[in-house]
C-alpha atoms as a PDB file:
ATOM      1  CA  MET A   1      73.564  95.027  88.582  1.00  0.00           C
ATOM      2  CA  SER A   2      77.053  96.815  88.643  1.00  0.00           C
ATOM      3  CA  LYS A   3      78.119  99.271  85.990  1.00  0.00           C
ATOM      4  CA  ILE A   4      81.614  97.640  85.897  1.00  0.00           C
ATOM      5  CA  LYS A   5      81.924  94.346  83.919  1.00  0.00           C
ATOM      6  CA  LEU A   6      85.203  92.793  84.855  1.00  0.00           C
ATOM      7  CA  PHE A   7      86.729  90.109  82.615  1.00  0.00           C
ATOM      8  CA  SER A   8      89.389  88.033  84.349  1.00  0.00           C
ATOM      9  CA  GLY A   9      91.291  84.953  83.231  1.00  0.00           C
ATOM     10  CA  MET A  10      94.661  83.569  82.108  1.00  0.00           C
ATOM     11  CA  ASP A  11      96.841  85.272  79.492  1.00  0.00           C
ATOM     12  CA  PHE A  12      95.511  84.460  75.967  1.00  0.00           C
ATOM     13  CA  SER A  13      92.161  83.265  77.279  1.00  0.00           C
ATOM     14  CA  GLY A  14      90.327  85.902  75.039  1.00  0.00           C
ATOM     15  CA  LYS A  15      89.356  88.534  77.560  1.00  0.00           C
ATOM     16  CA  THR A  16      90.514  91.474  75.258  1.00  0.00           C
ATOM     17  CA  THR A  17      88.954  89.785  72.158  1.00  0.00           C
ATOM     18  CA  ILE A  18      85.565  89.502  73.905  1.00  0.00           C
ATOM     19  CA  ILE A  19      85.691  93.138  75.122  1.00  0.00           C
ATOM     20  CA  LYS A  20      86.661  94.277  71.518  1.00  0.00           C
ATOM     21  CA  ASN A  21      83.704  92.353  70.088  1.00  0.00           C
ATOM     22  CA  ILE A  22      81.253  93.843  72.666  1.00  0.00           C
ATOM     23  CA  GLU A  23      82.676  97.367  71.815  1.00  0.00           C
ATOM     24  CA  VAL A  24      82.293  96.756  68.099  1.00  0.00           C
ATOM     25  CA  SER A  25      78.713  95.425  68.515  1.00  0.00           C
ATOM     26  CA  MET A  26      77.625  98.188  70.902  1.00  0.00           C
ATOM     27  CA  PRO A  27      79.789 101.199  70.024  1.00  0.00           C
ATOM     28  CA  GLY A  28      79.861 103.996  72.560  1.00  0.00           C
ATOM     29  CA  VAL A  29      77.921 102.095  75.217  1.00  0.00           C
ATOM     30  CA  PHE A  30      80.870 101.092  77.440  1.00  0.00           C
ATOM     31  CA  LYS A  31      84.049 102.816  78.410  1.00  0.00           C
ATOM     32  CA  VAL A  32      86.950 100.236  78.036  1.00  0.00           C
ATOM     33  CA  GLN A  33      89.570 100.123  80.794  1.00  0.00           C
ATOM     34  CA  LYS A  34      92.700  97.971  81.052  1.00  0.00           C
ATOM     35  CA  LYS A  35      94.176  96.716  84.313  1.00  0.00           C
ATOM     36  CA  PHE A  36      92.976  99.843  86.412  1.00  0.00           C
ATOM     37  CA  LEU A  37      89.649 101.646  86.774  1.00  0.00           C
ATOM     38  CA  THR A  38      91.238 104.973  86.173  1.00  0.00           C
ATOM     39  CA  SER A  39      94.197 106.270  84.130  1.00  0.00           C
ATOM     40  CA  VAL A  40      97.244 105.203  86.257  1.00  0.00           C
ATOM     41  CA  ASP A  41     100.556 105.508  84.612  1.00  0.00           C
ATOM     42  CA  THR A  42     102.899 105.344  87.720  1.00  0.00           C
ATOM     43  CA  ILE A  43     103.224 101.552  87.256  1.00  0.00           C
ATOM     44  CA  GLU A  44     103.815 101.844  83.513  1.00  0.00           C
ATOM     45  CA  LYS A  45     106.595 104.309  84.128  1.00  0.00           C
ATOM     46  CA  VAL A  46     108.478 101.979  86.543  1.00  0.00           C
ATOM     47  CA  ARG A  47     107.496  98.732  84.894  1.00  0.00           C
ATOM     48  CA  ASN A  48     110.961  97.858  83.601  1.00  0.00           C
ATOM     49  CA  THR A  49     112.880  99.404  86.417  1.00  0.00           C
ATOM     50  CA  TRP A  50     114.118  97.406  89.377  1.00  0.00           C
ATOM     51  CA  LEU A  51     113.023  98.880  92.721  1.00  0.00           C
ATOM     52  CA  PRO A  52     113.788  97.449  96.123  1.00  0.00           C
ATOM     53  CA  PRO A  53     110.735  96.087  97.961  1.00  0.00           C
ATOM     54  CA  GLU A  54     110.708  99.071 100.425  1.00  0.00           C
ATOM     55  CA  GLU A  55     110.149 101.425  97.497  1.00  0.00           C
ATOM     56  CA  TRP A  56     107.984  99.240  95.348  1.00  0.00           C
ATOM     57  CA  LYS A  57     105.425  98.021  97.891  1.00  0.00           C
ATOM     58  CA  PRO A  58     104.365 101.654  99.108  1.00  0.00           C
ATOM     59  CA  LEU A  59     104.425 102.759  95.402  1.00  0.00           C
ATOM     60  CA  LEU A  60     102.068 100.065  94.402  1.00  0.00           C
ATOM     61  CA  GLN A  61      99.780 100.468  97.501  1.00  0.00           C
ATOM     62  CA  ASN A  62      99.538 104.237  96.814  1.00  0.00           C
ATOM     63  CA  THR A  63      98.842 103.678  93.132  1.00  0.00           C
ATOM     64  CA  ILE A  64      95.950 101.347  93.989  1.00  0.00           C
ATOM     65  CA  LYS A  65      94.633 103.768  96.697  1.00  0.00           C
ATOM     66  CA  LYS A  66      94.670 106.390  93.972  1.00  0.00           C
ATOM     67  CA  ASP A  67      92.809 104.153  91.478  1.00  0.00           C
ATOM     68  CA  ILE A  68      90.079 103.594  94.040  1.00  0.00           C
ATOM     69  CA  SER A  69      89.784 107.204  95.166  1.00  0.00           C
ATOM     70  CA  ASN A  70      89.947 108.563  91.409  1.00  0.00           C
ATOM     71  CA  TYR A  71      87.156 106.259  90.224  1.00  0.00           C
ATOM     72  CA  ARG A  72      83.966 108.059  89.464  1.00  0.00           C
ATOM     73  CA  GLU A  73      80.862 106.343  88.176  1.00  0.00           C
ATOM     74  CA  THR A  74      80.281 107.864  84.883  1.00  0.00           C
ATOM     75  CA  GLY A  75      78.575 105.003  82.994  1.00  0.00           C
ATOM     76  CA  PRO A  76      79.166 101.354  82.072  1.00  0.00           C
ATOM     77  CA  ILE A  77      82.722 100.052  81.952  1.00  0.00           C
ATOM     78  CA  LEU A  78      84.187  97.070  80.347  1.00  0.00           C
ATOM     79  CA  GLN A  79      87.265  96.143  82.554  1.00  0.00           C
ATOM     80  CA  ASP A  80      89.949  94.124  80.882  1.00  0.00           C
ATOM     81  CA  SER A  81      91.312  92.458  84.032  1.00  0.00           C
ATOM     82  CA  LEU A  82      92.184  94.133  87.240  1.00  0.00           C
ATOM     83  CA  TRP A  83      95.920  94.316  87.858  1.00  0.00           C
ATOM     84  CA  ILE A  84      95.810  93.886  91.715  1.00  0.00           C
ATOM     85  CA  ILE A  85      94.040  90.518  91.361  1.00  0.00           C
ATOM     86  CA  LYS A  86      96.756  88.999  89.257  1.00  0.00           C
ATOM     87  CA  TYR A  87      99.431  90.583  91.491  1.00  0.00           C
ATOM     88  CA  ILE A  88      97.876  89.145  94.694  1.00  0.00           C
ATOM     89  CA  ALA A  89      97.468  85.710  92.990  1.00  0.00           C
ATOM     90  CA  THR A  90     101.202  85.760  92.100  1.00  0.00           C
ATOM     91  CA  LYS A  91     102.139  86.736  95.745  1.00  0.00           C
ATOM     92  CA  LEU A  92      99.940  84.028  97.138  1.00  0.00           C
ATOM     93  CA  GLU A  93     101.361  81.385  94.765  1.00  0.00           C
ATOM     94  CA  GLN A  94     104.947  82.346  95.689  1.00  0.00           C
ATOM     95  CA  ASN A  95     104.066  82.147  99.307  1.00  0.00           C
ATOM     96  CA  LEU A  96     107.114  84.031 100.642  1.00  0.00           C
ATOM     97  CA  PRO A  97     107.043  84.991 104.400  1.00  0.00           C
ATOM     98  CA  GLU A  98     108.235  88.572 103.533  1.00  0.00           C
ATOM     99  CA  ASP A  99     105.092  89.216 101.319  1.00  0.00           C
ATOM    100  CA  LEU A 100     102.514  88.255 103.974  1.00  0.00           C
ATOM    101  CA  ASP A 101     101.896  91.857 105.337  1.00  0.00           C
ATOM    102  CA  GLU A 102     101.796  93.203 101.712  1.00  0.00           C
ATOM    103  CA  ILE A 103      99.306  90.582 100.721  1.00  0.00           C
ATOM    104  CA  GLU A 104      97.112  91.444 103.684  1.00  0.00           C
ATOM    105  CA  VAL A 105      97.187  95.166 102.714  1.00  0.00           C
ATOM    106  CA  LEU A 106      96.418  94.503  99.113  1.00  0.00           C
ATOM    107  CA  GLN A 107      93.595  92.211  99.875  1.00  0.00           C
ATOM    108  CA  HIS A 108      92.117  94.884 102.074  1.00  0.00           C
ATOM    109  CA  LEU A 109      92.478  97.370  99.273  1.00  0.00           C
ATOM    110  CA  LEU A 110      90.818  94.980  96.774  1.00  0.00           C
ATOM    111  CA  GLU A 111      87.770  94.873  99.071  1.00  0.00           C
ATOM    112  CA  GLN A 112      87.516  98.686  98.647  1.00  0.00           C
ATOM    113  CA  TYR A 113      87.151  98.658  94.887  1.00  0.00           C
ATOM    114  CA  PRO A 114      83.512  99.300  93.725  1.00  0.00           C
ATOM    115  CA  ASP A 115      81.185  96.396  92.904  1.00  0.00           C
ATOM    116  CA  MET A 116      81.749  94.680  89.621  1.00  0.00           C
ATOM    117  CA  ASP A 117      80.060  91.941  87.737  1.00  0.00           C
ATOM    118  CA  SER A 118      82.977  89.510  87.227  1.00  0.00           C
ATOM    119  CA  PHE A 119      83.343  87.017  84.291  1.00  0.00           C
ATOM    120  CA  TYR A 120      86.126  84.512  84.410  1.00  0.00           C
ATOM    121  CA  ILE A 121      87.276  83.582  80.852  1.00  0.00           C
ATOM    122  CA  THR A 122      89.310  80.420  80.187  1.00  0.00           C
ATOM    123  CA  THR A 123      90.463  78.281  77.310  1.00  0.00           C
ATOM    124  CA  SER A 124      92.723  75.296  76.700  1.00  0.00           C
ATOM    125  CA  ILE A 125      96.564  75.400  77.029  1.00  0.00           C
ATOM    126  CA  GLU A 126      96.741  74.479  73.432  1.00  0.00           C
ATOM    127  CA  GLU A 127      94.580  77.394  72.371  1.00  0.00           C
ATOM    128  CA  ARG A 128      96.590  79.814  74.520  1.00  0.00           C
ATOM    129  CA  VAL A 129      99.904  78.549  72.984  1.00  0.00           C
ATOM    130  CA  LYS A 130      98.380  78.967  69.488  1.00  0.00           C
ATOM    131  CA  ARG A 131      97.518  82.563  70.294  1.00  0.00           C
ATOM    132  CA  LEU A 132     100.901  83.272  71.628  1.00  0.00           C
ATOM    133  CA  LYS A 133     102.588  81.917  68.503  1.00  0.00           C
ATOM    134  CA  GLU A 134     100.231  84.026  66.290  1.00  0.00           C
ATOM    135  CA  ARG A 135     101.244  87.161  68.238  1.00  0.00           C
ATOM    136  CA  GLU A 136     104.942  86.350  67.859  1.00  0.00           C
ATOM    137  CA  ARG A 137     104.348  85.844  64.063  1.00  0.00           C
ATOM    138  CA  LEU A 138     102.616  89.231  63.796  1.00  0.00           C
ATOM    139  CA  GLY A 139     105.407  90.839  65.724  1.00  0.00           C
ATOM    140  CA  VAL A 140     103.200  91.924  68.663  1.00  0.00           C
ATOM    141  CA  LYS A 141     105.095  92.740  71.801  1.00  0.00           C
ATOM    142  CA  ILE A 142     105.199  89.796  74.173  1.00  0.00           C
ATOM    143  CA  SER A 143     105.012  90.695  77.858  1.00  0.00           C
ATOM    144  CA  GLY A 144     106.814  88.923  80.700  1.00  0.00           C
ATOM    145  CA  SER A 145     103.691  87.230  81.858  1.00  0.00           C
ATOM    146  CA  ASP A 146     103.033  86.098  78.195  1.00  0.00           C
ATOM    147  CA  LYS A 147     106.507  84.458  78.095  1.00  0.00           C
ATOM    148  CA  LEU A 148     105.738  82.589  81.397  1.00  0.00           C
ATOM    149  CA  LEU A 149     102.970  80.836  79.560  1.00  0.00           C
ATOM    150  CA  VAL A 150     105.647  79.137  77.304  1.00  0.00           C
END
């Protein structure tokens, strides 16, 4: 059994809520991570900055390589999604010829991540829309991927 418990799923499916409930029920047992296994701030720094593909692709790939090499098994982890999976899925769905090499590199990098027990969380479209509207009502920041849901 792996020490990393990965929760994947669509936006507003309940991944973060499930992780929070586990953390409350079992305080101090798990380290909680979001999107990456280690602290990686490079992507956050350039998140709202347009970069041409020749700059973005190596930046992303090097960030993922760092994430893999910086990971040290220190105890059980609850992983709230893994950013590379969502990014690859988006590229596969777009199916652009100029992304084929990047997809291949990223899929190879994904294979290098440590073993994880993976849980896919899902819920109905109606429930996800309800959760989006509740976040808007509360004034919670809505990300670009959240907006795509609507």
